[in-house]
Amino acid sequence: MSKKLTDNGLFDSSRMMLPQHKETILVHQKELNRLAKPVLDEQEWQLIGQLLQDSFNNHAKVTLSIFDPFNIRNLTGFVTVINTFRKEIKLSIDQDEWEWIKFGDIIAAST
């Protein structure tokens, strides 16, 4: 019998990595860094809703913590539109800068 076929020699001699393998490894490593979305109770939702409504009515600044599976972003601005049908708000961050944010992505709010 050949030496290549004994003691795992066949696999030791073929050390080639295909681009598909490399991509799969990178995707797997990225998935290991995924964050779990926190579950908010009813009181926290009421507090967030109240702060969003106050920002909309009184043009007060609000800081929102936005959940992303790989990091948590903090945005500060004024709520200019509350769209209950699409379940999102429009946060005006700067003069010409704004962002639509889904209700489900908000995990915290403060003034």
C-alpha atoms as a PDB file:
ATOM      1  CA  MET A   1       0.000   0.000   0.000  1.00  0.00           C
ATOM      2  CA  SER A   2       1.187   3.493  -0.778  1.00  0.00           C
ATOM      3  CA  LYS A   3       2.479   5.772   1.966  1.00  0.00           C
ATOM      4  CA  LYS A   4       0.038   8.514   0.842  1.00  0.00           C
ATOM      5  CA  LEU A   5      -2.978   6.450   1.806  1.00  0.00           C
ATOM      6  CA  THR A   6      -1.855   5.602   5.343  1.00  0.00           C
ATOM      7  CA  ASP A   7      -1.938   7.746   8.474  1.00  0.00           C
ATOM      8  CA  ASN A   8      -4.087  10.451   6.903  1.00  0.00           C
ATOM      9  CA  GLY A   9      -1.382  11.088   4.330  1.00  0.00           C
ATOM     10  CA  LEU A  10      -3.798  11.785   1.503  1.00  0.00           C
ATOM     11  CA  PHE A  11      -5.373  14.727   3.306  1.00  0.00           C
ATOM     12  CA  ASP A  12      -2.080  16.036   4.686  1.00  0.00           C
ATOM     13  CA  SER A  13      -0.635  16.240   1.188  1.00  0.00           C
ATOM     14  CA  SER A  14      -3.551  18.234  -0.251  1.00  0.00           C
ATOM     15  CA  ARG A  15      -3.465  21.593   1.515  1.00  0.00           C
ATOM     16  CA  MET A  16      -5.454  23.622  -0.948  1.00  0.00           C
ATOM     17  CA  MET A  17      -8.265  25.998   0.022  1.00  0.00           C
ATOM     18  CA  LEU A  18     -10.874  26.943  -2.552  1.00  0.00           C
ATOM     19  CA  PRO A  19     -12.398  30.445  -2.569  1.00  0.00           C
ATOM     20  CA  GLN A  20     -15.742  28.904  -1.579  1.00  0.00           C
ATOM     21  CA  HIS A  21     -14.123  27.354   1.502  1.00  0.00           C
ATOM     22  CA  LYS A  22     -12.517  30.653   2.487  1.00  0.00           C
ATOM     23  CA  GLU A  23     -15.821  32.496   2.054  1.00  0.00           C
ATOM     24  CA  THR A  24     -17.645  29.904   4.160  1.00  0.00           C
ATOM     25  CA  ILE A  25     -15.075  30.223   6.940  1.00  0.00           C
ATOM     26  CA  LEU A  26     -15.365  34.037   6.926  1.00  0.00           C
ATOM     27  CA  VAL A  27     -19.172  33.894   7.033  1.00  0.00           C
ATOM     28  CA  HIS A  28     -19.003  31.429   9.921  1.00  0.00           C
ATOM     29  CA  GLN A  29     -16.592  33.649  11.884  1.00  0.00           C
ATOM     30  CA  LYS A  30     -18.832  36.667  11.289  1.00  0.00           C
ATOM     31  CA  GLU A  31     -21.845  34.714  12.543  1.00  0.00           C
ATOM     32  CA  LEU A  32     -19.983  33.935  15.767  1.00  0.00           C
ATOM     33  CA  ASN A  33     -19.964  37.695  16.538  1.00  0.00           C
ATOM     34  CA  ARG A  34     -23.745  38.039  16.081  1.00  0.00           C
ATOM     35  CA  LEU A  35     -25.526  39.697  19.024  1.00  0.00           C
ATOM     36  CA  ALA A  36     -28.779  38.449  20.509  1.00  0.00           C
ATOM     37  CA  LYS A  37     -31.625  40.953  20.389  1.00  0.00           C
ATOM     38  CA  PRO A  38     -32.746  41.986  23.879  1.00  0.00           C
ATOM     39  CA  VAL A  39     -36.379  41.402  24.790  1.00  0.00           C
ATOM     40  CA  LEU A  40     -38.116  44.546  26.031  1.00  0.00           C
ATOM     41  CA  ASP A  41     -40.948  44.439  28.544  1.00  0.00           C
ATOM     42  CA  GLU A  42     -44.154  46.459  28.305  1.00  0.00           C
ATOM     43  CA  GLN A  43     -42.911  49.267  30.573  1.00  0.00           C
ATOM     44  CA  GLU A  44     -39.811  49.801  28.444  1.00  0.00           C
ATOM     45  CA  TRP A  45     -41.971  49.971  25.289  1.00  0.00           C
ATOM     46  CA  GLN A  46     -44.220  52.554  26.958  1.00  0.00           C
ATOM     47  CA  LEU A  47     -41.199  54.651  27.950  1.00  0.00           C
ATOM     48  CA  ILE A  48     -39.789  54.500  24.408  1.00  0.00           C
ATOM     49  CA  GLY A  49     -43.192  55.407  22.940  1.00  0.00           C
ATOM     50  CA  GLN A  50     -43.590  58.341  25.326  1.00  0.00           C
ATOM     51  CA  LEU A  51     -40.129  59.712  24.502  1.00  0.00           C
ATOM     52  CA  LEU A  52     -40.779  59.383  20.758  1.00  0.00           C
ATOM     53  CA  GLN A  53     -44.137  61.161  21.114  1.00  0.00           C
ATOM     54  CA  ASP A  54     -42.558  63.945  23.195  1.00  0.00           C
ATOM     55  CA  SER A  55     -39.833  64.402  20.608  1.00  0.00           C
ATOM     56  CA  PHE A  56     -42.439  64.595  17.848  1.00  0.00           C
ATOM     57  CA  ASN A  57     -44.788  66.995  19.671  1.00  0.00           C
ATOM     58  CA  ASN A  58     -42.255  69.273  21.387  1.00  0.00           C
ATOM     59  CA  HIS A  59     -39.381  69.062  18.889  1.00  0.00           C
ATOM     60  CA  ALA A  60     -37.104  67.730  21.635  1.00  0.00           C
ATOM     61  CA  LYS A  61     -33.906  65.808  21.004  1.00  0.00           C
ATOM     62  CA  VAL A  62     -33.999  62.103  21.668  1.00  0.00           C
ATOM     63  CA  THR A  63     -31.187  59.527  21.659  1.00  0.00           C
ATOM     64  CA  LEU A  64     -32.132  56.104  20.326  1.00  0.00           C
ATOM     65  CA  SER A  65     -30.202  52.852  20.625  1.00  0.00           C
ATOM     66  CA  ILE A  66     -30.730  50.932  17.395  1.00  0.00           C
ATOM     67  CA  PHE A  67     -30.188  47.169  17.294  1.00  0.00           C
ATOM     68  CA  ASP A  68     -28.119  45.656  14.502  1.00  0.00           C
ATOM     69  CA  PRO A  69     -27.127  41.975  14.685  1.00  0.00           C
ATOM     70  CA  PHE A  70     -23.434  42.890  14.856  1.00  0.00           C
ATOM     71  CA  ASN A  71     -23.416  46.162  16.827  1.00  0.00           C
ATOM     72  CA  ILE A  72     -25.666  48.688  18.567  1.00  0.00           C
ATOM     73  CA  ARG A  73     -25.829  52.198  17.099  1.00  0.00           C
ATOM     74  CA  ASN A  74     -26.786  55.338  19.009  1.00  0.00           C
ATOM     75  CA  LEU A  75     -28.503  58.087  17.026  1.00  0.00           C
ATOM     76  CA  THR A  76     -29.520  61.504  18.340  1.00  0.00           C
ATOM     77  CA  GLY A  77     -32.045  63.729  16.629  1.00  0.00           C
ATOM     78  CA  PHE A  78     -35.659  64.883  16.369  1.00  0.00           C
ATOM     79  CA  VAL A  79     -38.615  62.689  15.449  1.00  0.00           C
ATOM     80  CA  THR A  80     -40.279  64.335  12.439  1.00  0.00           C
ATOM     81  CA  VAL A  81     -42.662  61.575  11.272  1.00  0.00           C
ATOM     82  CA  ILE A  82     -44.310  58.677  13.102  1.00  0.00           C
ATOM     83  CA  ASN A  83     -45.750  56.178  10.614  1.00  0.00           C
ATOM     84  CA  THR A  84     -47.854  53.674  12.546  1.00  0.00           C
ATOM     85  CA  PHE A  85     -48.956  51.800   9.411  1.00  0.00           C
ATOM     86  CA  ARG A  86     -45.368  50.950   8.413  1.00  0.00           C
ATOM     87  CA  LYS A  87     -44.271  50.844  12.095  1.00  0.00           C
ATOM     88  CA  GLU A  88     -41.353  53.227  11.704  1.00  0.00           C
ATOM     89  CA  ILE A  89     -40.240  56.747  12.535  1.00  0.00           C
ATOM     90  CA  LYS A  90     -38.249  59.331  10.639  1.00  0.00           C
ATOM     91  CA  LEU A  91     -35.407  60.672  12.766  1.00  0.00           C
ATOM     92  CA  SER A  92     -33.907  63.961  11.626  1.00  0.00           C
ATOM     93  CA  ILE A  93     -30.252  63.748  12.640  1.00  0.00           C
ATOM     94  CA  ASP A  94     -28.892  66.890  10.983  1.00  0.00           C
ATOM     95  CA  GLN A  95     -30.063  69.628   8.613  1.00  0.00           C
ATOM     96  CA  ASP A  96     -30.135  67.394   5.518  1.00  0.00           C
ATOM     97  CA  GLU A  97     -29.583  64.032   7.187  1.00  0.00           C
ATOM     98  CA  TRP A  98     -32.403  61.744   8.316  1.00  0.00           C
ATOM     99  CA  GLU A  99     -33.074  58.060   8.718  1.00  0.00           C
ATOM    100  CA  TRP A 100     -36.151  55.827   8.798  1.00  0.00           C
ATOM    101  CA  ILE A 101     -36.037  53.519  11.833  1.00  0.00           C
ATOM    102  CA  LYS A 102     -38.332  50.564  12.430  1.00  0.00           C
ATOM    103  CA  PHE A 103     -40.023  50.326  15.837  1.00  0.00           C
ATOM    104  CA  GLY A 104     -38.718  46.786  16.285  1.00  0.00           C
ATOM    105  CA  ASP A 105     -35.092  47.925  15.917  1.00  0.00           C
ATOM    106  CA  ILE A 106     -35.278  50.430  18.803  1.00  0.00           C
ATOM    107  CA  ILE A 107     -34.019  48.908  22.031  1.00  0.00           C
ATOM    108  CA  ALA A 108     -33.635  52.046  24.202  1.00  0.00           C
ATOM    109  CA  ALA A 109     -34.468  55.738  24.192  1.00  0.00           C
ATOM    110  CA  SER A 110     -33.385  58.673  26.313  1.00  0.00           C
ATOM    111  CA  THR A 111     -33.495  62.454  26.228  1.00  0.00           C
END
